[in-house]
Full PDB file with SEQRES, HELIX, SHEET, SSBOND, CRYST1, ORIGX, SCALE, CONECT and MASTER records, all heavy atoms in Angstrom:
SEQRES   1 A   29  SER ASN LEU GLU TYR SER THR PHE LYS THR VAL PRO ASN          
SEQRES   2 A   29  PRO GLU GLU MET HIS ASN HIS HIS MET ILE ASP TYR PHE          
SEQRES   3 A   29  ARG VAL PHE                                                  
HELIX    1 AA1 PRO A   14  GLU A   16  5                                   3    
CRYST1    1.000    1.000    1.000  90.00  90.00  90.00 P 1           1          
ORIGX1      1.000000  0.000000  0.000000        0.00000                         
ORIGX2      0.000000  1.000000  0.000000        0.00000                         
ORIGX3      0.000000  0.000000  1.000000        0.00000                         
SCALE1      1.000000  0.000000  0.000000        0.00000                         
SCALE2      0.000000  1.000000  0.000000        0.00000                         
SCALE3      0.000000  0.000000  1.000000        0.00000                         
ATOM      1  N   SER A   1       0.810  -1.231  -0.048  1.00  0.00           N  
ATOM      2  CA  SER A   1      -0.017  -0.055   0.081  1.00  0.00           C  
ATOM      3  C   SER A   1       0.867   1.273   0.021  1.00  0.00           C  
ATOM      4  O   SER A   1       0.565   2.214  -0.677  1.00  0.00           O  
ATOM      5  CB  SER A   1      -0.910  -0.012   1.284  1.00  0.00           C  
ATOM      6  OG  SER A   1      -1.654   1.164   1.304  1.00  0.00           O  
ATOM      7  N   ASN A   2       1.889   1.205   0.782  1.00  0.00           N  
ATOM      8  CA  ASN A   2       2.761   2.351   0.910  1.00  0.00           C  
ATOM      9  C   ASN A   2       3.474   2.715  -0.475  1.00  0.00           C  
ATOM     10  O   ASN A   2       3.696   3.901  -0.908  1.00  0.00           O  
ATOM     11  CB  ASN A   2       3.935   2.205   1.940  1.00  0.00           C  
ATOM     12  CG  ASN A   2       3.403   2.148   3.332  1.00  0.00           C  
ATOM     13  OD1 ASN A   2       2.297   2.708   3.644  1.00  0.00           O  
ATOM     14  ND2 ASN A   2       4.145   1.601   4.209  1.00  0.00           N  
ATOM     15  N   LEU A   3       3.768   1.599  -1.272  1.00  0.00           N  
ATOM     16  CA  LEU A   3       4.405   1.778  -2.497  1.00  0.00           C  
ATOM     17  C   LEU A   3       3.486   1.933  -3.678  1.00  0.00           C  
ATOM     18  O   LEU A   3       3.833   2.052  -4.869  1.00  0.00           O  
ATOM     19  CB  LEU A   3       5.346   0.705  -2.788  1.00  0.00           C  
ATOM     20  CG  LEU A   3       6.500   0.532  -1.844  1.00  0.00           C  
ATOM     21  CD1 LEU A   3       7.225  -0.824  -2.152  1.00  0.00           C  
ATOM     22  CD2 LEU A   3       7.495   1.656  -2.021  1.00  0.00           C  
ATOM     23  N   GLU A   4       2.167   2.017  -3.349  1.00  0.00           N  
ATOM     24  CA  GLU A   4       1.025   2.059  -4.302  1.00  0.00           C  
ATOM     25  C   GLU A   4       1.053   0.902  -5.408  1.00  0.00           C  
ATOM     26  O   GLU A   4       0.717   1.058  -6.555  1.00  0.00           O  
ATOM     27  CB  GLU A   4       1.088   3.433  -5.089  1.00  0.00           C  
ATOM     28  CG  GLU A   4       0.907   4.638  -4.102  1.00  0.00           C  
ATOM     29  CD  GLU A   4       0.890   5.926  -4.834  1.00  0.00           C  
ATOM     30  OE1 GLU A   4       1.273   6.004  -5.980  1.00  0.00           O  
ATOM     31  OE2 GLU A   4       0.518   6.881  -4.162  1.00  0.00           O  
ATOM     32  N   TYR A   5       1.313  -0.314  -4.826  1.00  0.00           N  
ATOM     33  CA  TYR A   5       1.262  -1.494  -5.640  1.00  0.00           C  
ATOM     34  C   TYR A   5      -0.282  -2.025  -5.581  1.00  0.00           C  
ATOM     35  O   TYR A   5      -1.127  -1.423  -5.039  1.00  0.00           O  
ATOM     36  CB  TYR A   5       2.138  -2.536  -5.076  1.00  0.00           C  
ATOM     37  CG  TYR A   5       3.649  -2.371  -5.273  1.00  0.00           C  
ATOM     38  CD1 TYR A   5       4.588  -3.075  -4.543  1.00  0.00           C  
ATOM     39  CD2 TYR A   5       4.105  -1.385  -6.116  1.00  0.00           C  
ATOM     40  CE1 TYR A   5       5.892  -2.940  -4.654  1.00  0.00           C  
ATOM     41  CE2 TYR A   5       5.507  -1.158  -6.263  1.00  0.00           C  
ATOM     42  CZ  TYR A   5       6.360  -2.021  -5.607  1.00  0.00           C  
ATOM     43  OH  TYR A   5       7.768  -1.735  -5.708  1.00  0.00           O  
ATOM     44  N   SER A   6      -0.448  -3.059  -6.295  1.00  0.00           N  
ATOM     45  CA  SER A   6      -1.787  -3.692  -6.297  1.00  0.00           C  
ATOM     46  C   SER A   6      -2.091  -4.250  -4.868  1.00  0.00           C  
ATOM     47  O   SER A   6      -1.150  -4.320  -4.044  1.00  0.00           O  
ATOM     48  CB  SER A   6      -1.809  -4.861  -7.213  1.00  0.00           C  
ATOM     49  OG  SER A   6      -1.613  -4.425  -8.566  1.00  0.00           O  
ATOM     50  N   THR A   7      -3.322  -4.661  -4.681  1.00  0.00           N  
ATOM     51  CA  THR A   7      -3.771  -5.194  -3.440  1.00  0.00           C  
ATOM     52  C   THR A   7      -3.508  -6.732  -3.400  1.00  0.00           C  
ATOM     53  O   THR A   7      -3.742  -7.392  -4.371  1.00  0.00           O  
ATOM     54  CB  THR A   7      -5.268  -4.970  -3.225  1.00  0.00           C  
ATOM     55  OG1 THR A   7      -5.540  -3.516  -3.213  1.00  0.00           O  
ATOM     56  CG2 THR A   7      -5.701  -5.502  -1.806  1.00  0.00           C  
ATOM     57  N   PHE A   8      -2.979  -7.216  -2.307  1.00  0.00           N  
ATOM     58  CA  PHE A   8      -2.779  -8.620  -2.172  1.00  0.00           C  
ATOM     59  C   PHE A   8      -4.138  -9.336  -1.956  1.00  0.00           C  
ATOM     60  O   PHE A   8      -5.137  -8.808  -1.372  1.00  0.00           O  
ATOM     61  CB  PHE A   8      -1.950  -8.869  -0.834  1.00  0.00           C  
ATOM     62  CG  PHE A   8      -0.446  -8.916  -0.990  1.00  0.00           C  
ATOM     63  CD1 PHE A   8       0.342  -7.796  -0.659  1.00  0.00           C  
ATOM     64  CD2 PHE A   8       0.174 -10.048  -1.632  1.00  0.00           C  
ATOM     65  CE1 PHE A   8       1.632  -7.850  -0.850  1.00  0.00           C  
ATOM     66  CE2 PHE A   8       1.553 -10.015  -1.792  1.00  0.00           C  
ATOM     67  CZ  PHE A   8       2.285  -8.945  -1.417  1.00  0.00           C  
ATOM     68  N   LYS A   9      -4.147 -10.500  -2.627  1.00  0.00           N  
ATOM     69  CA  LYS A   9      -5.377 -11.354  -2.497  1.00  0.00           C  
ATOM     70  C   LYS A   9      -5.000 -12.682  -1.906  1.00  0.00           C  
ATOM     71  O   LYS A   9      -3.868 -13.215  -2.206  1.00  0.00           O  
ATOM     72  CB  LYS A   9      -6.037 -11.475  -3.840  1.00  0.00           C  
ATOM     73  CG  LYS A   9      -6.593 -10.185  -4.423  1.00  0.00           C  
ATOM     74  CD  LYS A   9      -7.241 -10.545  -5.820  1.00  0.00           C  
ATOM     75  CE  LYS A   9      -7.797  -9.248  -6.332  1.00  0.00           C  
ATOM     76  NZ  LYS A   9      -8.455  -9.500  -7.730  1.00  0.00           N  
ATOM     77  N   THR A  10      -5.843 -13.289  -1.097  1.00  0.00           N  
ATOM     78  CA  THR A  10      -5.612 -14.628  -0.594  1.00  0.00           C  
ATOM     79  C   THR A  10      -5.984 -15.713  -1.624  1.00  0.00           C  
ATOM     80  O   THR A  10      -7.041 -15.637  -2.276  1.00  0.00           O  
ATOM     81  CB  THR A  10      -6.494 -14.743   0.672  1.00  0.00           C  
ATOM     82  OG1 THR A  10      -6.008 -13.821   1.657  1.00  0.00           O  
ATOM     83  CG2 THR A  10      -6.240 -16.215   1.242  1.00  0.00           C  
ATOM     84  N   VAL A  11      -5.009 -16.602  -1.761  1.00  0.00           N  
ATOM     85  CA  VAL A  11      -5.313 -17.814  -2.593  1.00  0.00           C  
ATOM     86  C   VAL A  11      -6.178 -18.759  -1.646  1.00  0.00           C  
ATOM     87  O   VAL A  11      -5.691 -19.287  -0.581  1.00  0.00           O  
ATOM     88  CB  VAL A  11      -4.035 -18.526  -3.030  1.00  0.00           C  
ATOM     89  CG1 VAL A  11      -4.374 -19.712  -3.816  1.00  0.00           C  
ATOM     90  CG2 VAL A  11      -3.188 -17.516  -3.846  1.00  0.00           C  
ATOM     91  N   PRO A  12      -7.437 -19.057  -1.938  1.00  0.00           N  
ATOM     92  CA  PRO A  12      -8.336 -19.745  -1.055  1.00  0.00           C  
ATOM     93  C   PRO A  12      -8.008 -21.107  -0.687  1.00  0.00           C  
ATOM     94  O   PRO A  12      -8.226 -21.642   0.359  1.00  0.00           O  
ATOM     95  CB  PRO A  12      -9.689 -19.594  -1.696  1.00  0.00           C  
ATOM     96  CG  PRO A  12      -9.382 -19.457  -3.181  1.00  0.00           C  
ATOM     97  CD  PRO A  12      -8.095 -18.676  -3.209  1.00  0.00           C  
ATOM     98  N   ASN A  13      -7.313 -21.942  -1.729  1.00  0.00           N  
ATOM     99  CA  ASN A  13      -6.960 -23.284  -1.440  1.00  0.00           C  
ATOM    100  C   ASN A  13      -6.025 -23.767  -2.502  1.00  0.00           C  
ATOM    101  O   ASN A  13      -5.738 -23.088  -3.456  1.00  0.00           O  
ATOM    102  CB  ASN A  13      -8.300 -24.206  -1.502  1.00  0.00           C  
ATOM    103  CG  ASN A  13      -9.006 -23.942  -2.882  1.00  0.00           C  
ATOM    104  OD1 ASN A  13      -8.470 -24.220  -3.968  1.00  0.00           O  
ATOM    105  ND2 ASN A  13     -10.247 -23.471  -2.826  1.00  0.00           N  
ATOM    106  N   PRO A  14      -5.327 -24.944  -2.222  1.00  0.00           N  
ATOM    107  CA  PRO A  14      -4.306 -25.286  -3.091  1.00  0.00           C  
ATOM    108  C   PRO A  14      -4.710 -25.488  -4.592  1.00  0.00           C  
ATOM    109  O   PRO A  14      -3.924 -25.277  -5.467  1.00  0.00           O  
ATOM    110  CB  PRO A  14      -3.880 -26.581  -2.498  1.00  0.00           C  
ATOM    111  CG  PRO A  14      -4.256 -26.592  -1.030  1.00  0.00           C  
ATOM    112  CD  PRO A  14      -5.541 -25.763  -0.967  1.00  0.00           C  
ATOM    113  N   GLU A  15      -6.051 -25.835  -4.765  1.00  0.00           N  
ATOM    114  CA  GLU A  15      -6.476 -26.088  -6.096  1.00  0.00           C  
ATOM    115  C   GLU A  15      -6.491 -24.778  -6.922  1.00  0.00           C  
ATOM    116  O   GLU A  15      -6.384 -24.834  -8.151  1.00  0.00           O  
ATOM    117  CB  GLU A  15      -7.842 -26.709  -6.111  1.00  0.00           C  
ATOM    118  CG  GLU A  15      -7.925 -28.140  -5.606  1.00  0.00           C  
ATOM    119  CD  GLU A  15      -7.654 -28.360  -4.180  1.00  0.00           C  
ATOM    120  OE1 GLU A  15      -7.931 -27.403  -3.406  1.00  0.00           O  
ATOM    121  OE2 GLU A  15      -7.142 -29.347  -3.797  1.00  0.00           O  
ATOM    122  N   GLU A  16      -6.501 -23.678  -6.244  1.00  0.00           N  
ATOM    123  CA  GLU A  16      -6.506 -22.361  -6.963  1.00  0.00           C  
ATOM    124  C   GLU A  16      -5.085 -21.740  -7.180  1.00  0.00           C  
ATOM    125  O   GLU A  16      -4.939 -20.669  -7.584  1.00  0.00           O  
ATOM    126  CB  GLU A  16      -7.382 -21.339  -6.180  1.00  0.00           C  
ATOM    127  CG  GLU A  16      -8.758 -21.704  -6.044  1.00  0.00           C  
ATOM    128  CD  GLU A  16      -9.491 -21.787  -7.359  1.00  0.00           C  
ATOM    129  OE1 GLU A  16      -9.273 -20.878  -8.241  1.00  0.00           O  
ATOM    130  OE2 GLU A  16     -10.229 -22.760  -7.649  1.00  0.00           O  
ATOM    131  N   MET A  17      -4.049 -22.514  -6.860  1.00  0.00           N  
ATOM    132  CA  MET A  17      -2.740 -22.080  -6.922  1.00  0.00           C  
ATOM    133  C   MET A  17      -2.324 -21.557  -8.273  1.00  0.00           C  
ATOM    134  O   MET A  17      -1.672 -20.627  -8.424  1.00  0.00           O  
ATOM    135  CB  MET A  17      -1.705 -23.160  -6.476  1.00  0.00           C  
ATOM    136  CG  MET A  17      -0.325 -22.696  -6.265  1.00  0.00           C  
ATOM    137  SD  MET A  17      -0.114 -21.558  -4.829  1.00  0.00           S  
ATOM    138  CE  MET A  17      -0.120 -22.853  -3.487  1.00  0.00           C  
ATOM    139  N   HIS A  18      -2.820 -22.224  -9.346  1.00  0.00           N  
ATOM    140  CA  HIS A  18      -2.465 -21.899 -10.681  1.00  0.00           C  
ATOM    141  C   HIS A  18      -3.615 -21.141 -11.459  1.00  0.00           C  
ATOM    142  O   HIS A  18      -3.519 -20.964 -12.661  1.00  0.00           O  
ATOM    143  CB  HIS A  18      -1.997 -23.089 -11.466  1.00  0.00           C  
ATOM    144  CG  HIS A  18      -0.882 -23.749 -10.827  1.00  0.00           C  
ATOM    145  ND1 HIS A  18       0.453 -23.328 -10.708  1.00  0.00           N  
ATOM    146  CD2 HIS A  18      -0.790 -25.046 -10.208  1.00  0.00           C  
ATOM    147  CE1 HIS A  18       1.215 -24.147 -10.142  1.00  0.00           C  
ATOM    148  NE2 HIS A  18       0.465 -25.136  -9.829  1.00  0.00           N  
ATOM    149  N   ASN A  19      -4.703 -20.821 -10.747  1.00  0.00           N  
ATOM    150  CA  ASN A  19      -5.771 -20.220 -11.379  1.00  0.00           C  
ATOM    151  C   ASN A  19      -5.933 -18.753 -11.099  1.00  0.00           C  
ATOM    152  O   ASN A  19      -7.046 -18.153 -11.017  1.00  0.00           O  
ATOM    153  CB  ASN A  19      -7.082 -20.836 -10.924  1.00  0.00           C  
ATOM    154  CG  ASN A  19      -7.087 -22.362 -11.394  1.00  0.00           C  
ATOM    155  OD1 ASN A  19      -6.589 -22.676 -12.372  1.00  0.00           O  
ATOM    156  ND2 ASN A  19      -7.763 -23.192 -10.736  1.00  0.00           N  
ATOM    157  N   HIS A  20      -4.803 -17.990 -10.882  1.00  0.00           N  
ATOM    158  CA  HIS A  20      -4.807 -16.629 -10.533  1.00  0.00           C  
ATOM    159  C   HIS A  20      -4.899 -15.783 -11.709  1.00  0.00           C  
ATOM    160  O   HIS A  20      -5.043 -14.535 -11.624  1.00  0.00           O  
ATOM    161  CB  HIS A  20      -3.563 -16.264  -9.650  1.00  0.00           C  
ATOM    162  CG  HIS A  20      -2.321 -16.925 -10.239  1.00  0.00           C  
ATOM    163  ND1 HIS A  20      -1.681 -16.325 -11.288  1.00  0.00           N  
ATOM    164  CD2 HIS A  20      -1.490 -17.830  -9.663  1.00  0.00           C  
ATOM    165  CE1 HIS A  20      -0.619 -17.088 -11.485  1.00  0.00           C  
ATOM    166  NE2 HIS A  20      -0.473 -17.967 -10.600  1.00  0.00           N  
ATOM    167  N   HIS A  21      -4.725 -16.252 -12.932  1.00  0.00           N  
ATOM    168  CA  HIS A  21      -4.837 -15.570 -14.176  1.00  0.00           C  
ATOM    169  C   HIS A  21      -3.823 -14.287 -14.250  1.00  0.00           C  
ATOM    170  O   HIS A  21      -4.294 -13.260 -14.551  1.00  0.00           O  
ATOM    171  CB  HIS A  21      -6.252 -15.045 -14.434  1.00  0.00           C  
ATOM    172  CG  HIS A  21      -7.218 -16.112 -14.427  1.00  0.00           C  
ATOM    173  ND1 HIS A  21      -7.298 -17.088 -15.387  1.00  0.00           N  
ATOM    174  CD2 HIS A  21      -8.320 -16.393 -13.587  1.00  0.00           C  
ATOM    175  CE1 HIS A  21      -8.249 -17.987 -15.190  1.00  0.00           C  
ATOM    176  NE2 HIS A  21      -8.888 -17.601 -14.052  1.00  0.00           N  
ATOM    177  N   MET A  22      -2.716 -14.460 -13.781  1.00  0.00           N  
ATOM    178  CA  MET A  22      -1.671 -13.495 -13.801  1.00  0.00           C  
ATOM    179  C   MET A  22      -0.380 -14.123 -14.358  1.00  0.00           C  
ATOM    180  O   MET A  22      -0.067 -15.287 -14.208  1.00  0.00           O  
ATOM    181  CB  MET A  22      -1.350 -12.913 -12.352  1.00  0.00           C  
ATOM    182  CG  MET A  22      -2.504 -12.295 -11.661  1.00  0.00           C  
ATOM    183  SD  MET A  22      -2.011 -11.753 -10.000  1.00  0.00           S  
ATOM    184  CE  MET A  22      -3.560 -11.641  -9.207  1.00  0.00           C  
ATOM    185  N   ILE A  23       0.390 -13.327 -15.141  1.00  0.00           N  
ATOM    186  CA  ILE A  23       1.712 -13.704 -15.463  1.00  0.00           C  
ATOM    187  C   ILE A  23       2.711 -12.976 -14.637  1.00  0.00           C  
ATOM    188  O   ILE A  23       3.687 -13.653 -14.164  1.00  0.00           O  
ATOM    189  CB  ILE A  23       1.979 -13.342 -16.994  1.00  0.00           C  
ATOM    190  CG1 ILE A  23       1.057 -14.151 -17.879  1.00  0.00           C  
ATOM    191  CG2 ILE A  23       3.387 -13.533 -17.350  1.00  0.00           C  
ATOM    192  CD1 ILE A  23       1.325 -15.681 -17.871  1.00  0.00           C  
ATOM    193  N   ASP A  24       2.502 -11.746 -14.502  1.00  0.00           N  
ATOM    194  CA  ASP A  24       3.447 -10.965 -13.594  1.00  0.00           C  
ATOM    195  C   ASP A  24       2.828 -10.789 -12.171  1.00  0.00           C  
ATOM    196  O   ASP A  24       1.842 -10.114 -12.026  1.00  0.00           O  
ATOM    197  CB  ASP A  24       3.755  -9.506 -14.168  1.00  0.00           C  
ATOM    198  CG  ASP A  24       4.586  -9.573 -15.496  1.00  0.00           C  
ATOM    199  OD1 ASP A  24       4.906 -10.758 -15.895  1.00  0.00           O  
ATOM    200  OD2 ASP A  24       4.709  -8.576 -16.100  1.00  0.00           O  
ATOM    201  N   TYR A  25       3.518 -11.399 -11.221  1.00  0.00           N  
ATOM    202  CA  TYR A  25       2.930 -11.285  -9.872  1.00  0.00           C  
ATOM    203  C   TYR A  25       4.059 -11.458  -8.803  1.00  0.00           C  
ATOM    204  O   TYR A  25       5.177 -11.959  -9.121  1.00  0.00           O  
ATOM    205  CB  TYR A  25       1.807 -12.318  -9.684  1.00  0.00           C  
ATOM    206  CG  TYR A  25       2.220 -13.733  -9.905  1.00  0.00           C  
ATOM    207  CD1 TYR A  25       2.908 -14.495  -8.835  1.00  0.00           C  
ATOM    208  CD2 TYR A  25       2.123 -14.328 -11.067  1.00  0.00           C  
ATOM    209  CE1 TYR A  25       3.180 -15.799  -9.007  1.00  0.00           C  
ATOM    210  CE2 TYR A  25       2.431 -15.720 -11.282  1.00  0.00           C  
ATOM    211  CZ  TYR A  25       3.007 -16.423 -10.306  1.00  0.00           C  
ATOM    212  OH  TYR A  25       3.416 -17.719 -10.506  1.00  0.00           O  
ATOM    213  N   PHE A  26       3.658 -11.161  -7.532  1.00  0.00           N  
ATOM    214  CA  PHE A  26       4.557 -11.439  -6.292  1.00  0.00           C  
ATOM    215  C   PHE A  26       3.710 -12.239  -5.401  1.00  0.00           C  
ATOM    216  O   PHE A  26       2.586 -11.900  -5.113  1.00  0.00           O  
ATOM    217  CB  PHE A  26       4.837 -10.092  -5.700  1.00  0.00           C  
ATOM    218  CG  PHE A  26       5.756 -10.321  -4.417  1.00  0.00           C  
ATOM    219  CD1 PHE A  26       7.159 -10.218  -4.606  1.00  0.00           C  
ATOM    220  CD2 PHE A  26       5.204 -10.421  -3.203  1.00  0.00           C  
ATOM    221  CE1 PHE A  26       7.954 -10.458  -3.508  1.00  0.00           C  
ATOM    222  CE2 PHE A  26       6.007 -10.537  -2.100  1.00  0.00           C  
ATOM    223  CZ  PHE A  26       7.400 -10.575  -2.244  1.00  0.00           C  
ATOM    224  N   ARG A  27       4.176 -13.486  -5.044  1.00  0.00           N  
ATOM    225  CA  ARG A  27       3.507 -14.461  -4.297  1.00  0.00           C  
ATOM    226  C   ARG A  27       4.223 -14.717  -3.027  1.00  0.00           C  
ATOM    227  O   ARG A  27       5.468 -14.869  -2.999  1.00  0.00           O  
ATOM    228  CB  ARG A  27       3.246 -15.687  -5.101  1.00  0.00           C  
ATOM    229  CG  ARG A  27       2.518 -16.852  -4.459  1.00  0.00           C  
ATOM    230  CD  ARG A  27       2.006 -17.879  -5.280  1.00  0.00           C  
ATOM    231  NE  ARG A  27       2.939 -18.509  -6.196  1.00  0.00           N  
ATOM    232  CZ  ARG A  27       2.722 -19.379  -7.180  1.00  0.00           C  
ATOM    233  NH1 ARG A  27       1.436 -19.737  -7.426  1.00  0.00           N  
ATOM    234  NH2 ARG A  27       3.630 -19.894  -7.919  1.00  0.00           N  
ATOM    235  N   VAL A  28       3.460 -14.887  -1.949  1.00  0.00           N  
ATOM    236  CA  VAL A  28       4.003 -15.179  -0.597  1.00  0.00           C  
ATOM    237  C   VAL A  28       3.489 -16.459  -0.109  1.00  0.00           C  
ATOM    238  O   VAL A  28       2.138 -16.478   0.008  1.00  0.00           O  
ATOM    239  CB  VAL A  28       3.898 -13.988   0.383  1.00  0.00           C  
ATOM    240  CG1 VAL A  28       4.614 -14.284   1.654  1.00  0.00           C  
ATOM    241  CG2 VAL A  28       4.318 -12.694  -0.254  1.00  0.00           C  
ATOM    242  N   PHE A  29       4.168 -17.413   0.373  1.00  0.00           N  
ATOM    243  CA  PHE A  29       3.734 -18.622   1.172  1.00  0.00           C  
ATOM    244  C   PHE A  29       4.164 -18.374   2.632  1.00  0.00           C  
ATOM    245  O   PHE A  29       5.308 -18.169   2.966  1.00  0.00           O  
ATOM    246  CB  PHE A  29       4.407 -19.823   0.613  1.00  0.00           C  
ATOM    247  CG  PHE A  29       4.317 -20.165  -0.896  1.00  0.00           C  
ATOM    248  CD1 PHE A  29       5.139 -19.522  -1.768  1.00  0.00           C  
ATOM    249  CD2 PHE A  29       3.347 -21.033  -1.280  1.00  0.00           C  
ATOM    250  CE1 PHE A  29       4.980 -19.758  -3.076  1.00  0.00           C  
ATOM    251  CE2 PHE A  29       3.249 -21.333  -2.691  1.00  0.00           C  
ATOM    252  CZ  PHE A  29       4.061 -20.697  -3.531  1.00  0.00           C  
TER     253      PHE A  29                                                      
MASTER        0    0    0    1    0    0    0    6  252    1    0    3          
END                                                                             
């Protein structure tokens, strides 16, 4: 938010790990 990036979204379950419809992203486990 401080850097005015996009908003983080929660990946709801493991099955949705590859269904985020993004190519450029930052992901945190």
